[in-house]
Amino acid sequence: MTFNRDALPPVADVLARLNLAASRLNGSGYAQVRCPIHSEDNPSLSIHMQRGNWRCFACGEAGGDVLELYRRTRDISFIQAARELGAWEGR
């Protein structure tokens, strides 16, 4: 049983699973969404739509990839998040 980073879905697909609508990309490849961690109504979370790294400028939460955003939003383990996103191989 192993984690396969290459099997993670695109950032846009993960945001759709979390019911988050991204704004237009800026020149650096970032979009703004409302932060699902602290349930704010304003789009304070900035996420890179290719790499998946993100940071909320309101609550200060940040992470290196979209899997971490998914995990924290759903309050589940790394393995469970990887399974739900199809990136955990094995049982």
PDB file of N, CA and C in Angstrom:
ATOM      1  N   MET A   1       0.850  -1.174   0.000  1.00  0.00           N
ATOM      2  CA  MET A   1       0.000   0.000   0.000  1.00  0.00           C
ATOM      3  C   MET A   1       0.895   1.237   0.000  1.00  0.00           C
ATOM      4  N   THR A   2       0.702   2.058  -1.000  1.00  0.00           N
ATOM      5  CA  THR A   2       1.539   3.236  -1.136  1.00  0.00           C
ATOM      6  C   THR A   2       0.754   4.413  -1.684  1.00  0.00           C
ATOM      7  N   PHE A   3       1.307   5.569  -1.436  1.00  0.00           N
ATOM      8  CA  PHE A   3       0.752   6.810  -1.952  1.00  0.00           C
ATOM      9  C   PHE A   3       1.360   7.081  -3.321  1.00  0.00           C
ATOM     10  N   ASN A   4       0.523   7.421  -4.298  1.00  0.00           N
ATOM     11  CA  ASN A   4       0.975   7.748  -5.637  1.00  0.00           C
ATOM     12  C   ASN A   4       0.566   9.179  -5.959  1.00  0.00           C
ATOM     13  N   ARG A   5       1.489  10.109  -5.768  1.00  0.00           N
ATOM     14  CA  ARG A   5       1.213  11.530  -6.002  1.00  0.00           C
ATOM     15  C   ARG A   5       0.727  11.785  -7.427  1.00  0.00           C
ATOM     16  N   ASP A   6       1.244  11.022  -8.388  1.00  0.00           N
ATOM     17  CA  ASP A   6       0.862  11.226  -9.790  1.00  0.00           C
ATOM     18  C   ASP A   6      -0.600  10.889 -10.055  1.00  0.00           C
ATOM     19  N   ALA A   7      -1.222  10.140  -9.148  1.00  0.00           N
ATOM     20  CA  ALA A   7      -2.628   9.767  -9.319  1.00  0.00           C
ATOM     21  C   ALA A   7      -3.595  10.801  -8.749  1.00  0.00           C
ATOM     22  N   LEU A   8      -3.075  11.851  -8.093  1.00  0.00           N
ATOM     23  CA  LEU A   8      -3.963  12.897  -7.572  1.00  0.00           C
ATOM     24  C   LEU A   8      -4.686  13.584  -8.730  1.00  0.00           C
ATOM     25  N   PRO A   9      -5.962  13.883  -8.555  1.00  0.00           N
ATOM     26  CA  PRO A   9      -6.688  14.600  -9.615  1.00  0.00           C
ATOM     27  C   PRO A   9      -6.195  16.040  -9.724  1.00  0.00           C
ATOM     28  N   PRO A  10      -6.500  16.699 -10.835  1.00  0.00           N
ATOM     29  CA  PRO A  10      -6.126  18.106 -10.985  1.00  0.00           C
ATOM     30  C   PRO A  10      -6.726  18.963  -9.858  1.00  0.00           C
ATOM     31  N   VAL A  11      -6.063  20.058  -9.564  1.00  0.00           N
ATOM     32  CA  VAL A  11      -6.507  20.965  -8.500  1.00  0.00           C
ATOM     33  C   VAL A  11      -7.959  21.379  -8.707  1.00  0.00           C
ATOM     34  N   ALA A  12      -8.331  21.719  -9.922  1.00  0.00           N
ATOM     35  CA  ALA A  12      -9.702  22.161 -10.199  1.00  0.00           C
ATOM     36  C   ALA A  12     -10.719  21.081  -9.824  1.00  0.00           C
ATOM     37  N   ASP A  13     -10.382  19.810 -10.049  1.00  0.00           N
ATOM     38  CA  ASP A  13     -11.289  18.712  -9.704  1.00  0.00           C
ATOM     39  C   ASP A  13     -11.445  18.570  -8.196  1.00  0.00           C
ATOM     40  N   VAL A  14     -10.356  18.748  -7.467  1.00  0.00           N
ATOM     41  CA  VAL A  14     -10.422  18.656  -6.005  1.00  0.00           C
ATOM     42  C   VAL A  14     -11.242  19.817  -5.448  1.00  0.00           C
ATOM     43  N   LEU A  15     -11.058  21.013  -5.989  1.00  0.00           N
ATOM     44  CA  LEU A  15     -11.857  22.158  -5.551  1.00  0.00           C
ATOM     45  C   LEU A  15     -13.335  21.903  -5.811  1.00  0.00           C
ATOM     46  N   ALA A  16     -13.658  21.293  -6.938  1.00  0.00           N
ATOM     47  CA  ALA A  16     -15.059  20.972  -7.248  1.00  0.00           C
ATOM     48  C   ALA A  16     -15.618  19.978  -6.231  1.00  0.00           C
ATOM     49  N   ARG A  17     -14.830  18.997  -5.826  1.00  0.00           N
ATOM     50  CA  ARG A  17     -15.280  18.036  -4.803  1.00  0.00           C
ATOM     51  C   ARG A  17     -15.567  18.728  -3.481  1.00  0.00           C
ATOM     52  N   LEU A  18     -14.842  19.811  -3.220  1.00  0.00           N
ATOM     53  CA  LEU A  18     -15.030  20.567  -1.978  1.00  0.00           C
ATOM     54  C   LEU A  18     -16.067  21.683  -2.148  1.00  0.00           C
ATOM     55  N   ASN A  19     -16.706  21.744  -3.306  1.00  0.00           N
ATOM     56  CA  ASN A  19     -17.702  22.784  -3.614  1.00  0.00           C
ATOM     57  C   ASN A  19     -17.123  24.183  -3.508  1.00  0.00           C
ATOM     58  N   LEU A  20     -15.917  24.347  -4.028  1.00  0.00           N
ATOM     59  CA  LEU A  20     -15.260  25.650  -4.024  1.00  0.00           C
ATOM     60  C   LEU A  20     -15.100  26.127  -5.457  1.00  0.00           C
ATOM     61  N   ALA A  21     -15.534  27.345  -5.711  1.00  0.00           N
ATOM     62  CA  ALA A  21     -15.404  27.937  -7.041  1.00  0.00           C
ATOM     63  C   ALA A  21     -14.187  28.855  -7.048  1.00  0.00           C
ATOM     64  N   ALA A  22     -13.273  28.606  -7.969  1.00  0.00           N
ATOM     65  CA  ALA A  22     -12.058  29.411  -8.068  1.00  0.00           C
ATOM     66  C   ALA A  22     -12.294  30.624  -8.961  1.00  0.00           C
ATOM     67  N   SER A  23     -11.624  31.718  -8.619  1.00  0.00           N
ATOM     68  CA  SER A  23     -11.665  32.916  -9.448  1.00  0.00           C
ATOM     69  C   SER A  23     -10.726  32.733 -10.638  1.00  0.00           C
ATOM     70  N   ARG A  24     -10.679  33.731 -11.483  1.00  0.00           N
ATOM     71  CA  ARG A  24      -9.730  33.702 -12.597  1.00  0.00           C
ATOM     72  C   ARG A  24      -8.315  33.578 -12.057  1.00  0.00           C
ATOM     73  N   LEU A  25      -7.456  32.996 -12.867  1.00  0.00           N
ATOM     74  CA  LEU A  25      -6.047  32.897 -12.503  1.00  0.00           C
ATOM     75  C   LEU A  25      -5.383  34.253 -12.616  1.00  0.00           C
ATOM     76  N   ASN A  26      -4.476  34.526 -11.687  1.00  0.00           N
ATOM     77  CA  ASN A  26      -3.662  35.726 -11.850  1.00  0.00           C
ATOM     78  C   ASN A  26      -2.445  35.363 -12.702  1.00  0.00           C
ATOM     79  N   GLY A  27      -1.564  36.278 -12.927  1.00  0.00           N
ATOM     80  CA  GLY A  27      -0.402  36.052 -13.783  1.00  0.00           C
ATOM     81  C   GLY A  27       0.559  35.002 -13.272  1.00  0.00           C
ATOM     82  N   SER A  28       0.482  34.667 -12.003  1.00  0.00           N
ATOM     83  CA  SER A  28       1.374  33.671 -11.422  1.00  0.00           C
ATOM     84  C   SER A  28       0.748  32.283 -11.324  1.00  0.00           C
ATOM     85  N   GLY A  29      -0.497  32.135 -11.775  1.00  0.00           N
ATOM     86  CA  GLY A  29      -1.160  30.834 -11.750  1.00  0.00           C
ATOM     87  C   GLY A  29      -1.984  30.564 -10.506  1.00  0.00           C
ATOM     88  N   TYR A  30      -2.221  31.596  -9.690  1.00  0.00           N
ATOM     89  CA  TYR A  30      -3.020  31.437  -8.472  1.00  0.00           C
ATOM     90  C   TYR A  30      -4.457  31.891  -8.704  1.00  0.00           C
ATOM     91  N   ALA A  31      -5.370  31.229  -8.014  1.00  0.00           N
ATOM     92  CA  ALA A  31      -6.774  31.626  -8.006  1.00  0.00           C
ATOM     93  C   ALA A  31      -7.186  31.823  -6.545  1.00  0.00           C
ATOM     94  N   GLN A  32      -8.248  32.560  -6.331  1.00  0.00           N
ATOM     95  CA  GLN A  32      -8.768  32.802  -4.986  1.00  0.00           C
ATOM     96  C   GLN A  32     -10.034  31.978  -4.783  1.00  0.00           C
ATOM     97  N   VAL A  33     -10.164  31.381  -3.589  1.00  0.00           N
ATOM     98  CA  VAL A  33     -11.381  30.664  -3.203  1.00  0.00           C
ATOM     99  C   VAL A  33     -11.693  31.038  -1.756  1.00  0.00           C
ATOM    100  N   ARG A  34     -12.919  30.769  -1.339  1.00  0.00           N
ATOM    101  CA  ARG A  34     -13.214  31.009   0.074  1.00  0.00           C
ATOM    102  C   ARG A  34     -12.572  29.877   0.862  1.00  0.00           C
ATOM    103  N   CYS A  35     -12.080  30.187   2.022  1.00  0.00           N
ATOM    104  CA  CYS A  35     -11.346  29.209   2.822  1.00  0.00           C
ATOM    105  C   CYS A  35     -12.312  28.210   3.463  1.00  0.00           C
ATOM    106  N   PRO A  36     -12.211  26.922   3.116  1.00  0.00           N
ATOM    107  CA  PRO A  36     -13.096  25.930   3.701  1.00  0.00           C
ATOM    108  C   PRO A  36     -12.691  25.531   5.123  1.00  0.00           C
ATOM    109  N   ILE A  37     -11.529  25.944   5.554  1.00  0.00           N
ATOM    110  CA  ILE A  37     -11.046  25.567   6.882  1.00  0.00           C
ATOM    111  C   ILE A  37     -11.713  26.403   7.965  1.00  0.00           C
ATOM    112  N   HIS A  38     -11.854  27.707   7.713  1.00  0.00           N
ATOM    113  CA  HIS A  38     -12.504  28.543   8.719  1.00  0.00           C
ATOM    114  C   HIS A  38     -13.856  29.076   8.258  1.00  0.00           C
ATOM    115  N   SER A  39     -14.369  28.554   7.158  1.00  0.00           N
ATOM    116  CA  SER A  39     -15.732  28.833   6.677  1.00  0.00           C
ATOM    117  C   SER A  39     -16.044  30.312   6.496  1.00  0.00           C
ATOM    118  N   GLU A  40     -15.126  31.028   5.916  1.00  0.00           N
ATOM    119  CA  GLU A  40     -15.358  32.432   5.628  1.00  0.00           C
ATOM    120  C   GLU A  40     -16.112  32.572   4.312  1.00  0.00           C
ATOM    121  N   ASP A  41     -16.855  33.639   4.155  1.00  0.00           N
ATOM    122  CA  ASP A  41     -17.611  33.871   2.932  1.00  0.00           C
ATOM    123  C   ASP A  41     -16.798  34.571   1.851  1.00  0.00           C
ATOM    124  N   ASN A  42     -15.718  35.233   2.229  1.00  0.00           N
ATOM    125  CA  ASN A  42     -14.888  35.953   1.266  1.00  0.00           C
ATOM    126  C   ASN A  42     -13.771  35.044   0.745  1.00  0.00           C
ATOM    127  N   PRO A  43     -13.358  35.213  -0.505  1.00  0.00           N
ATOM    128  CA  PRO A  43     -12.288  34.390  -1.066  1.00  0.00           C
ATOM    129  C   PRO A  43     -10.911  34.818  -0.551  1.00  0.00           C
ATOM    130  N   SER A  44     -10.513  34.266   0.588  1.00  0.00           N
ATOM    131  CA  SER A  44      -9.253  34.651   1.219  1.00  0.00           C
ATOM    132  C   SER A  44      -8.141  33.633   1.013  1.00  0.00           C
ATOM    133  N   LEU A  45      -8.456  32.467   0.426  1.00  0.00           N
ATOM    134  CA  LEU A  45      -7.464  31.433   0.229  1.00  0.00           C
ATOM    135  C   LEU A  45      -6.941  31.515  -1.202  1.00  0.00           C
ATOM    136  N   SER A  46      -5.635  31.555  -1.332  1.00  0.00           N
ATOM    137  CA  SER A  46      -4.995  31.606  -2.634  1.00  0.00           C
ATOM    138  C   SER A  46      -4.388  30.238  -2.913  1.00  0.00           C
ATOM    139  N   ILE A  47      -4.700  29.649  -4.079  1.00  0.00           N
ATOM    140  CA  ILE A  47      -4.209  28.316  -4.422  1.00  0.00           C
ATOM    141  C   ILE A  47      -3.634  28.317  -5.836  1.00  0.00           C
ATOM    142  N   HIS A  48      -2.477  27.696  -5.977  1.00  0.00           N
ATOM    143  CA  HIS A  48      -1.862  27.582  -7.302  1.00  0.00           C
ATOM    144  C   HIS A  48      -2.563  26.446  -8.042  1.00  0.00           C
ATOM    145  N   MET A  49      -3.102  26.736  -9.194  1.00  0.00           N
ATOM    146  CA  MET A  49      -3.951  25.780  -9.890  1.00  0.00           C
ATOM    147  C   MET A  49      -3.182  24.650 -10.572  1.00  0.00           C
ATOM    148  N   GLN A  50      -1.888  24.731 -10.651  1.00  0.00           N
ATOM    149  CA  GLN A  50      -1.085  23.626 -11.183  1.00  0.00           C
ATOM    150  C   GLN A  50      -0.392  22.849 -10.063  1.00  0.00           C
ATOM    151  N   ARG A  51       0.294  23.560  -9.182  1.00  0.00           N
ATOM    152  CA  ARG A  51       1.077  22.906  -8.120  1.00  0.00           C
ATOM    153  C   ARG A  51       0.225  22.504  -6.921  1.00  0.00           C
ATOM    154  N   GLY A  52      -0.824  23.264  -6.640  1.00  0.00           N
ATOM    155  CA  GLY A  52      -1.703  22.946  -5.519  1.00  0.00           C
ATOM    156  C   GLY A  52      -1.319  23.566  -4.198  1.00  0.00           C
ATOM    157  N   ASN A  53      -0.178  24.255  -4.126  1.00  0.00           N
ATOM    158  CA  ASN A  53       0.168  24.902  -2.854  1.00  0.00           C
ATOM    159  C   ASN A  53      -0.813  26.038  -2.579  1.00  0.00           C
ATOM    160  N   TRP A  54      -1.088  26.293  -1.308  1.00  0.00           N
ATOM    161  CA  TRP A  54      -2.142  27.232  -0.944  1.00  0.00           C
ATOM    162  C   TRP A  54      -1.839  27.920   0.379  1.00  0.00           C
ATOM    163  N   ARG A  55      -2.529  29.044   0.570  1.00  0.00           N
ATOM    164  CA  ARG A  55      -2.418  29.804   1.823  1.00  0.00           C
ATOM    165  C   ARG A  55      -3.670  30.655   1.981  1.00  0.00           C
ATOM    166  N   CYS A  56      -4.201  30.660   3.204  1.00  0.00           N
ATOM    167  CA  CYS A  56      -5.319  31.535   3.514  1.00  0.00           C
ATOM    168  C   CYS A  56      -4.764  32.789   4.181  1.00  0.00           C
ATOM    169  N   PHE A  57      -5.079  33.931   3.622  1.00  0.00           N
ATOM    170  CA  PHE A  57      -4.576  35.189   4.162  1.00  0.00           C
ATOM    171  C   PHE A  57      -5.431  35.718   5.302  1.00  0.00           C
ATOM    172  N   ALA A  58      -6.517  35.036   5.629  1.00  0.00           N
ATOM    173  CA  ALA A  58      -7.349  35.439   6.763  1.00  0.00           C
ATOM    174  C   ALA A  58      -7.001  34.639   8.019  1.00  0.00           C
ATOM    175  N   CYS A  59      -6.939  33.307   7.899  1.00  0.00           N
ATOM    176  CA  CYS A  59      -6.687  32.484   9.093  1.00  0.00           C
ATOM    177  C   CYS A  59      -5.237  32.019   9.211  1.00  0.00           C
ATOM    178  N   GLY A  60      -4.442  32.178   8.140  1.00  0.00           N
ATOM    179  CA  GLY A  60      -3.032  31.828   8.190  1.00  0.00           C
ATOM    180  C   GLY A  60      -2.702  30.376   7.870  1.00  0.00           C
ATOM    181  N   GLU A  61      -3.712  29.534   7.650  1.00  0.00           N
ATOM    182  CA  GLU A  61      -3.446  28.138   7.293  1.00  0.00           C
ATOM    183  C   GLU A  61      -2.773  28.082   5.930  1.00  0.00           C
ATOM    184  N   ALA A  62      -1.881  27.111   5.753  1.00  0.00           N
ATOM    185  CA  ALA A  62      -1.174  26.958   4.489  1.00  0.00           C
ATOM    186  C   ALA A  62      -0.766  25.505   4.326  1.00  0.00           C
ATOM    187  N   GLY A  63      -0.545  25.111   3.077  1.00  0.00           N
ATOM    188  CA  GLY A  63      -0.117  23.744   2.813  1.00  0.00           C
ATOM    189  C   GLY A  63       0.570  23.624   1.478  1.00  0.00           C
ATOM    190  N   GLY A  64       1.286  22.531   1.327  1.00  0.00           N
ATOM    191  CA  GLY A  64       2.099  22.329   0.146  1.00  0.00           C
ATOM    192  C   GLY A  64       1.397  21.700  -1.037  1.00  0.00           C
ATOM    193  N   ASP A  65       0.215  21.111  -0.803  1.00  0.00           N
ATOM    194  CA  ASP A  65      -0.477  20.512  -1.941  1.00  0.00           C
ATOM    195  C   ASP A  65      -1.978  20.434  -1.692  1.00  0.00           C
ATOM    196  N   VAL A  66      -2.696  20.085  -2.754  1.00  0.00           N
ATOM    197  CA  VAL A  66      -4.150  20.048  -2.699  1.00  0.00           C
ATOM    198  C   VAL A  66      -4.639  18.890  -1.816  1.00  0.00           C
ATOM    199  N   LEU A  67      -3.846  17.839  -1.684  1.00  0.00           N
ATOM    200  CA  LEU A  67      -4.218  16.736  -0.798  1.00  0.00           C
ATOM    201  C   LEU A  67      -4.324  17.240   0.645  1.00  0.00           C
ATOM    202  N   GLU A  68      -3.400  18.089   1.054  1.00  0.00           N
ATOM    203  CA  GLU A  68      -3.436  18.632   2.414  1.00  0.00           C
ATOM    204  C   GLU A  68      -4.661  19.526   2.613  1.00  0.00           C
ATOM    205  N   LEU A  69      -5.029  20.315   1.620  1.00  0.00           N
ATOM    206  CA  LEU A  69      -6.238  21.138   1.719  1.00  0.00           C
ATOM    207  C   LEU A  69      -7.469  20.248   1.847  1.00  0.00           C
ATOM    208  N   TYR A  70      -7.541  19.216   1.044  1.00  0.00           N
ATOM    209  CA  TYR A  70      -8.667  18.280   1.095  1.00  0.00           C
ATOM    210  C   TYR A  70      -8.730  17.609   2.468  1.00  0.00           C
ATOM    211  N   ARG A  71      -7.586  17.152   2.953  1.00  0.00           N
ATOM    212  CA  ARG A  71      -7.517  16.463   4.245  1.00  0.00           C
ATOM    213  C   ARG A  71      -7.981  17.371   5.386  1.00  0.00           C
ATOM    214  N   ARG A  72      -7.465  18.586   5.417  1.00  0.00           N
ATOM    215  CA  ARG A  72      -7.841  19.518   6.498  1.00  0.00           C
ATOM    216  C   ARG A  72      -9.301  19.936   6.400  1.00  0.00           C
ATOM    217  N   THR A  73      -9.789  20.140   5.200  1.00  0.00           N
ATOM    218  CA  THR A  73     -11.181  20.545   5.015  1.00  0.00           C
ATOM    219  C   THR A  73     -12.134  19.469   5.507  1.00  0.00           C
ATOM    220  N   ARG A  74     -11.830  18.219   5.195  1.00  0.00           N
ATOM    221  CA  ARG A  74     -12.709  17.109   5.568  1.00  0.00           C
ATOM    222  C   ARG A  74     -12.368  16.536   6.943  1.00  0.00           C
ATOM    223  N   ASP A  75     -11.272  17.004   7.554  1.00  0.00           N
ATOM    224  CA  ASP A  75     -10.830  16.541   8.873  1.00  0.00           C
ATOM    225  C   ASP A  75     -10.673  15.015   8.902  1.00  0.00           C
ATOM    226  N   ILE A  76      -9.882  14.519   7.932  1.00  0.00           N
ATOM    227  CA  ILE A  76      -9.629  13.088   7.818  1.00  0.00           C
ATOM    228  C   ILE A  76      -8.124  12.849   7.766  1.00  0.00           C
ATOM    229  N   SER A  77      -7.738  11.595   7.867  1.00  0.00           N
ATOM    230  CA  SER A  77      -6.320  11.243   7.843  1.00  0.00           C
ATOM    231  C   SER A  77      -5.752  11.382   6.426  1.00  0.00           C
ATOM    232  N   PHE A  78      -4.431  11.396   6.361  1.00  0.00           N
ATOM    233  CA  PHE A  78      -3.738  11.449   5.077  1.00  0.00           C
ATOM    234  C   PHE A  78      -4.150  10.264   4.202  1.00  0.00           C
ATOM    235  N   ILE A  79      -4.125   9.063   4.777  1.00  0.00           N
ATOM    236  CA  ILE A  79      -4.453   7.864   4.007  1.00  0.00           C
ATOM    237  C   ILE A  79      -5.889   7.916   3.505  1.00  0.00           C
ATOM    238  N   GLN A  80      -6.822   8.332   4.356  1.00  0.00           N
ATOM    239  CA  GLN A  80      -8.222   8.422   3.929  1.00  0.00           C
ATOM    240  C   GLN A  80      -8.387   9.444   2.810  1.00  0.00           C
ATOM    241  N   ALA A  81      -7.717  10.587   2.932  1.00  0.00           N
ATOM    242  CA  ALA A  81      -7.798  11.609   1.881  1.00  0.00           C
ATOM    243  C   ALA A  81      -7.213  11.082   0.578  1.00  0.00           C
ATOM    244  N   ALA A  82      -6.067  10.400   0.666  1.00  0.00           N
ATOM    245  CA  ALA A  82      -5.440   9.840  -0.533  1.00  0.00           C
ATOM    246  C   ALA A  82      -6.350   8.791  -1.171  1.00  0.00           C
ATOM    247  N   ARG A  83      -7.005   7.990  -0.354  1.00  0.00           N
ATOM    248  CA  ARG A  83      -7.955   6.992  -0.887  1.00  0.00           C
ATOM    249  C   ARG A  83      -9.111   7.677  -1.601  1.00  0.00           C
ATOM    250  N   GLU A  84      -9.702   8.668  -0.965  1.00  0.00           N
ATOM    251  CA  GLU A  84     -10.852   9.350  -1.553  1.00  0.00           C
ATOM    252  C   GLU A  84     -10.501  10.043  -2.853  1.00  0.00           C
ATOM    253  N   LEU A  85      -9.249  10.486  -2.965  1.00  0.00           N
ATOM    254  CA  LEU A  85      -8.811  11.170  -4.192  1.00  0.00           C
ATOM    255  C   LEU A  85      -8.200  10.215  -5.210  1.00  0.00           C
ATOM    256  N   GLY A  86      -8.186   8.916  -4.895  1.00  0.00           N
ATOM    257  CA  GLY A  86      -7.690   7.921  -5.830  1.00  0.00           C
ATOM    258  C   GLY A  86      -6.194   7.814  -5.936  1.00  0.00           C
ATOM    259  N   ALA A  87      -5.483   8.291  -4.907  1.00  0.00           N
ATOM    260  CA  ALA A  87      -4.016   8.286  -4.954  1.00  0.00           C
ATOM    261  C   ALA A  87      -3.399   7.299  -3.974  1.00  0.00           C
ATOM    262  N   TRP A  88      -4.182   6.401  -3.404  1.00  0.00           N
ATOM    263  CA  TRP A  88      -3.676   5.393  -2.493  1.00  0.00           C
ATOM    264  C   TRP A  88      -3.833   4.038  -3.168  1.00  0.00           C
ATOM    265  N   GLU A  89      -2.729   3.393  -3.406  1.00  0.00           N
ATOM    266  CA  GLU A  89      -2.742   2.108  -4.103  1.00  0.00           C
ATOM    267  C   GLU A  89      -2.694   0.974  -3.103  1.00  0.00           C
ATOM    268  N   GLY A  90      -3.602   0.062  -3.205  1.00  0.00           N
ATOM    269  CA  GLY A  90      -3.681  -1.056  -2.279  1.00  0.00           C
ATOM    270  C   GLY A  90      -4.924  -0.943  -1.443  1.00  0.00           C
ATOM    271  N   ARG A  91      -4.974  -1.736  -0.395  1.00  0.00           N
ATOM    272  CA  ARG A  91      -6.173  -1.774   0.453  1.00  0.00           C
ATOM    273  C   ARG A  91      -6.211  -0.673   1.424  1.00  0.00           C
TER     274      ARG A  91
END
